[in-house]
């Protein structure tokens, strides 16, 4: 008898490790802890330059009153 179909059907997918975001990498490069994010002038400048391109925590954007402009596709 030939078995057909996917033998793994219905089984949970293997865990995929979470990779750090660019924000996480910048925080690590600056040597900051979460308690020091809002007080860092260097991190604020980085977030101002990159907020429309990469993930920045929403609470931090609110703290600094920074707005994200979401664009999709080739909007001129």
Protein backbone atom coordinates (compact mmCIF):
# COMPACT_ATOMS: atom_id res chain seq x y z
CA UNK A 1 0.00 0.00 0.00
CA UNK A 2 1.37 3.42 -1.01
CA UNK A 3 0.82 6.21 1.52
CA UNK A 4 0.00 9.57 0.03
CA UNK A 5 0.05 13.09 1.40
CA UNK A 6 2.24 14.93 3.82
CA UNK A 7 3.11 12.79 6.86
CA UNK A 8 3.78 15.97 8.89
CA UNK A 9 0.31 17.41 8.26
CA UNK A 10 -1.13 18.79 11.49
CA UNK A 11 2.14 18.68 13.42
CA UNK A 12 3.42 21.95 14.89
CA UNK A 13 6.15 23.73 12.94
CA UNK A 14 9.65 23.74 14.43
CA UNK A 15 10.57 26.89 16.35
CA UNK A 16 12.41 29.49 14.34
CA UNK A 17 14.88 31.51 16.42
CA UNK A 18 14.13 35.23 16.61
CA UNK A 19 16.79 37.40 15.02
CA UNK A 20 17.66 40.81 16.49
CA UNK A 21 16.19 43.85 14.73
CA UNK A 22 18.34 46.73 13.53
CA UNK A 23 17.06 48.65 16.55
CA UNK A 24 18.30 45.86 18.86
CA UNK A 25 21.70 45.92 17.16
CA UNK A 26 21.99 49.70 17.53
CA UNK A 27 21.02 49.56 21.22
CA UNK A 28 23.69 46.89 21.75
CA UNK A 29 26.27 48.94 19.84
CA UNK A 30 25.52 51.94 22.07
CA UNK A 31 25.60 49.77 25.19
CA UNK A 32 22.18 50.92 26.42
CA UNK A 33 19.68 49.28 28.73
CA UNK A 34 15.94 49.78 28.25
CA UNK A 35 15.90 52.24 31.15
CA UNK A 36 18.34 54.48 29.24
CA UNK A 37 16.74 54.42 25.77
CA UNK A 38 14.69 57.62 26.15
CA UNK A 39 17.61 59.59 27.58
CA UNK A 40 20.08 58.72 24.83
CA UNK A 41 20.67 61.53 22.33
CA UNK A 42 22.57 59.16 20.01
CA UNK A 43 19.70 56.65 19.94
CA UNK A 44 17.18 59.43 19.35
CA UNK A 45 19.15 60.70 16.33
CA UNK A 46 19.37 57.14 14.97
CA UNK A 47 15.61 56.65 15.44
CA UNK A 48 14.82 60.00 13.78
CA UNK A 49 16.85 58.96 10.71
CA UNK A 50 15.54 55.37 10.54
CA UNK A 51 11.99 55.41 11.98
CA UNK A 52 10.35 55.10 8.56
CA UNK A 53 12.65 52.27 7.49
CA UNK A 54 13.12 49.92 10.48
CA UNK A 55 11.34 48.85 13.66
CA UNK A 56 11.45 51.32 16.55
CA UNK A 57 9.41 50.49 19.67
CA UNK A 58 6.09 52.31 19.65
CA UNK A 59 6.43 53.49 23.25
CA UNK A 60 9.74 55.17 22.38
CA UNK A 61 8.26 56.92 19.34
CA UNK A 62 5.47 58.26 21.59
CA UNK A 63 7.99 59.34 24.26
CA UNK A 64 9.89 61.39 21.69
CA UNK A 65 6.73 62.45 19.78
CA UNK A 66 8.07 61.00 16.53
CA UNK A 67 5.66 60.11 13.73
CA UNK A 68 6.15 57.26 11.29
CA UNK A 69 5.20 57.86 7.67
CA UNK A 70 4.12 54.55 6.16
CA UNK A 71 4.60 54.36 2.41
CA UNK A 72 3.89 51.39 0.20
CA UNK A 73 5.21 50.68 -3.26
CA UNK A 74 6.69 53.33 -5.50
CA UNK A 75 5.02 56.39 -4.01
CA UNK A 76 6.67 59.60 -5.18
